[in-house]
Protein backbone atom coordinates (compact mmCIF):
# COMPACT_ATOMS: atom_id res chain seq x y z
CA UNK A 1 129.79 110.03 80.21
CA UNK A 2 130.14 113.38 82.83
CA UNK A 3 126.42 113.21 83.70
CA UNK A 4 125.89 110.32 84.12
CA UNK A 5 128.92 109.74 87.15
CA UNK A 6 127.82 112.82 88.59
CA UNK A 7 124.36 112.19 88.51
CA UNK A 8 125.29 108.10 90.20
CA UNK A 9 127.81 109.98 92.54
CA UNK A 10 124.28 113.23 93.68
CA UNK A 11 122.19 109.74 94.27
CA UNK A 12 125.26 107.73 96.25
CA UNK A 13 127.54 110.17 97.64
CA UNK A 14 126.96 111.27 101.62
CA UNK A 15 127.19 108.74 104.68
CA UNK A 16 122.93 108.79 103.97
CA UNK A 17 123.67 105.76 102.00
CA UNK A 18 125.67 103.39 104.62
CA UNK A 19 121.95 103.71 106.11
CA UNK A 20 119.59 103.51 103.18
CA UNK A 21 121.39 100.50 102.33
CA UNK A 22 121.74 98.49 106.07
CA UNK A 23 117.42 99.42 105.64
CA UNK A 24 116.73 98.37 102.47
CA UNK A 25 118.66 95.00 103.28
CA UNK A 26 116.99 94.68 106.34
CA UNK A 27 113.69 95.07 105.30
CA UNK A 28 114.26 92.96 102.59
CA UNK A 29 113.50 89.59 103.95
CA UNK A 30 110.02 90.91 104.51
CA UNK A 31 109.88 93.29 102.21
CA UNK A 32 111.87 91.07 99.15
CA UNK A 33 110.69 93.33 95.98
CA UNK A 34 113.33 96.53 98.24
CA UNK A 35 116.13 96.89 95.65
CA UNK A 36 118.71 96.58 97.66
CA UNK A 37 121.26 95.04 95.63
CA UNK A 38 120.05 97.28 93.19
CA UNK A 39 121.20 99.95 95.92
CA UNK A 40 124.52 98.56 96.59
CA UNK A 41 126.25 97.57 92.96
CA UNK A 42 125.06 101.97 92.24
CA UNK A 43 126.73 102.66 95.41
CA UNK A 44 129.96 100.70 94.46
CA UNK A 45 129.88 101.59 90.85
CA UNK A 46 130.29 105.35 91.74
CA UNK A 47 132.51 104.28 93.96
CA UNK A 48 134.67 102.73 92.00
CA UNK A 49 134.73 105.29 88.73
CA UNK A 50 135.51 108.07 91.06
CA UNK A 51 138.03 107.01 92.62
CA UNK A 52 139.41 105.57 89.30
CA UNK A 53 139.39 109.45 88.53
CA UNK A 54 140.24 111.47 91.75
CA UNK A 55 136.83 112.60 91.94
CA UNK A 56 134.97 113.92 94.51
CA UNK A 57 135.31 111.20 98.26
CA UNK A 58 131.56 111.61 99.40
CA UNK A 59 131.24 108.72 97.70
CA UNK A 60 131.05 105.31 99.56
CA UNK A 61 134.25 103.65 100.82
CA UNK A 62 133.54 100.23 98.92
CA UNK A 63 134.82 98.14 102.50
CA UNK A 64 132.62 100.17 104.65
CA UNK A 65 129.64 99.30 101.60
CA UNK A 66 130.17 96.12 101.77
CA UNK A 67 130.82 95.23 105.42
CA UNK A 68 126.73 97.63 105.76
CA UNK A 69 125.15 95.31 103.38
CA UNK A 70 126.51 92.38 104.86
CA UNK A 71 125.68 93.07 108.05
CA UNK A 72 122.34 94.06 107.65
CA UNK A 73 122.02 90.59 105.64
CA UNK A 74 122.96 88.79 109.08
CA UNK A 75 120.31 90.34 111.49
CA UNK A 76 117.73 91.09 108.73
CA UNK A 77 117.97 87.20 108.84
CA UNK A 78 118.29 87.02 112.51
CA UNK A 79 115.77 89.10 113.27
CA UNK A 80 112.82 86.68 110.73
CA UNK A 81 113.89 84.20 112.60
CA UNK A 82 113.61 85.44 115.76
CA UNK A 83 109.93 86.71 114.51
CA UNK A 84 109.22 82.78 113.45
CA UNK A 85 109.95 80.79 115.59
CA UNK A 86 107.03 83.27 117.79
CA UNK A 87 104.91 83.60 114.90
CA UNK A 88 102.74 80.51 114.55
CA UNK A 89 99.59 81.32 112.93
CA UNK A 90 100.10 84.64 112.85
CA UNK A 91 103.01 83.85 110.41
CA UNK A 92 101.83 81.88 107.68
CA UNK A 93 98.84 84.27 107.74
CA UNK A 94 101.22 87.08 106.90
CA UNK A 95 103.22 84.15 104.74
CA UNK A 96 100.01 83.31 102.68
CA UNK A 97 99.24 87.16 102.07
CA UNK A 98 102.59 87.32 100.47
CA UNK A 99 102.40 86.49 96.73
CA UNK A 100 105.29 85.69 96.26
CA UNK A 101 106.94 84.66 99.37
CA UNK A 102 103.96 81.80 98.64
CA UNK A 103 105.62 80.42 95.41
CA UNK A 104 109.05 81.08 96.74
CA UNK A 105 108.26 78.65 99.29
CA UNK A 106 106.00 76.37 97.60
CA UNK A 107 109.08 75.57 94.76
CA UNK A 108 112.59 76.39 97.11
CA UNK A 109 111.02 74.77 100.49
CA UNK A 110 110.87 71.28 100.12
CA UNK A 111 114.30 71.66 98.38
CA UNK A 112 115.27 74.10 101.01
CA UNK A 113 114.25 71.39 103.72
CA UNK A 114 116.15 68.71 102.16
CA UNK A 115 119.46 70.54 101.49
CA UNK A 116 120.86 71.64 104.92
CA UNK A 117 123.75 74.75 105.86
CA UNK A 118 124.86 74.96 101.86
CA UNK A 119 122.08 75.91 100.22
CA UNK A 120 121.18 78.51 102.33
CA UNK A 121 123.86 79.95 100.79
CA UNK A 122 122.41 79.35 97.54
CA UNK A 123 118.86 80.37 98.38
CA UNK A 124 120.52 84.56 99.65
CA UNK A 125 120.64 84.89 95.32
CA UNK A 126 117.14 83.83 94.89
CA UNK A 127 114.27 85.55 95.03
CA UNK A 128 112.85 85.54 97.98
CA UNK A 129 114.22 82.38 99.11
CA UNK A 130 117.17 84.60 101.87
CA UNK A 131 113.07 85.00 102.98
CA UNK A 132 112.36 81.15 103.06
CA UNK A 133 115.19 80.38 104.37
CA UNK A 134 115.31 82.86 107.01
CA UNK A 135 111.26 82.71 108.08
CA UNK A 136 111.54 78.71 107.42
CA UNK A 137 114.08 78.27 110.48
CA UNK A 138 112.24 79.42 112.82
CA UNK A 139 108.92 78.30 112.16
CA UNK A 140 111.14 74.77 112.07
CA UNK A 141 113.07 75.92 115.85
CA UNK A 142 116.19 75.53 113.96
CA UNK A 143 118.72 75.87 116.70
CA UNK A 144 120.38 79.46 115.97
CA UNK A 145 123.89 77.30 115.82
CA UNK A 146 122.53 75.24 112.88
CA UNK A 147 120.65 78.72 111.30
CA UNK A 148 123.25 81.80 112.25
CA UNK A 149 126.77 80.59 110.21
CA UNK A 150 125.10 79.71 107.26
CA UNK A 151 122.82 83.47 107.54
CA UNK A 152 126.75 84.36 107.89
CA UNK A 153 128.42 83.18 105.47
CA UNK A 154 125.07 83.78 102.68
CA UNK A 155 124.85 87.85 103.40
CA UNK A 156 128.76 87.75 102.97
CA UNK A 157 128.80 85.77 99.83
CA UNK A 158 126.18 88.04 98.90
CA UNK A 159 127.18 91.27 99.76
CA UNK A 160 131.09 90.49 97.77
CA UNK A 161 129.14 89.60 94.65
CA UNK A 162 127.10 92.38 94.66
CA UNK A 163 130.50 95.30 95.38
CA UNK A 164 132.19 93.36 93.28
CA UNK A 165 129.85 93.58 90.07
CA UNK A 166 129.63 97.31 91.34
CA UNK A 167 132.80 97.59 91.17
CA UNK A 168 133.79 95.46 87.81
CA UNK A 169 130.91 97.64 85.86
CA UNK A 170 132.61 100.78 87.77
CA UNK A 171 136.14 99.76 85.58
CA UNK A 172 134.86 98.10 82.48
CA UNK A 173 131.64 100.72 81.77
CA UNK A 174 132.04 103.80 84.15
CA UNK A 175 130.47 105.43 86.16
CA UNK A 176 127.32 105.12 84.09
CA UNK A 177 123.93 103.75 84.47
CA UNK A 178 123.96 101.41 82.19
CA UNK A 179 126.81 100.55 83.65
CA UNK A 180 124.50 99.73 87.03
CA UNK A 181 121.69 98.59 85.26
CA UNK A 182 124.14 95.80 83.90
CA UNK A 183 125.68 94.60 86.49
CA UNK A 184 121.82 94.21 87.76
CA UNK A 185 121.41 92.09 85.14
CA UNK A 186 123.89 90.07 86.43
CA UNK A 187 122.31 90.05 89.62
CA UNK A 188 119.51 88.89 89.05
CA UNK A 189 121.01 86.43 86.65
CA UNK A 190 122.70 84.59 89.45
CA UNK A 191 119.11 84.60 91.74
CA UNK A 192 117.72 82.80 88.55
CA UNK A 193 120.55 80.60 88.30
CA UNK A 194 120.51 80.10 92.26
CA UNK A 195 116.99 79.19 91.79
CA UNK A 196 117.18 76.36 88.89
CA UNK A 197 119.95 74.26 91.47
CA UNK A 198 117.77 74.28 94.49
CA UNK A 199 114.70 73.33 92.48
CA UNK A 200 116.37 71.35 90.30
CA UNK A 201 115.64 67.42 91.49
CA UNK A 202 118.81 65.02 94.00
CA UNK A 203 120.35 62.67 91.95
CA UNK A 204 119.18 59.46 92.78
CA UNK A 205 122.27 57.33 94.29
CA UNK A 206 124.12 55.30 92.91
CA UNK A 207 123.14 51.19 92.27
CA UNK A 208 124.97 48.41 94.91
CA UNK A 209 127.00 46.85 92.70
């Protein structure tokens, strides 16, 4: 336990963890394979366990980590949105070169276009859903006031959930790699559920009596 605590703390200690987390979240809207969720969870796990054991103060603050993750999420969404508004055919070619983005666009694009704002929040958890939403909103020339409020809510919800998973893992299992792995699995399960809910066909309206 102490060895695990030390290794996690050495990985996340120091103010450098904030720009690393922020950069990962900013870029994973374009590169959905980046482990931004795992970084947030690992940092939150180490911070929780270190606080509980009165360990080194160099570990990140949970509140600062949450604000950093949420802000980076919204900024990344906005950057992708703005680039997509100007991208045109080049954007389509870029998406076509990414198997994961192409697959996500095929599976989620129609449902998201049909579902409106609340699905923007749900898609933040789905694999590559954030990318499809942000790039799709820009390519469709949606107004920023129609997209950004939902993007902000999605970013805060995702960041709160990720930090919360790290906090729960640190409280229950301590600062171990097993704890971080279990919390990350919970994040992936939420993503799978989100993708399922997005793709689920809408219920047919009841016939008029």
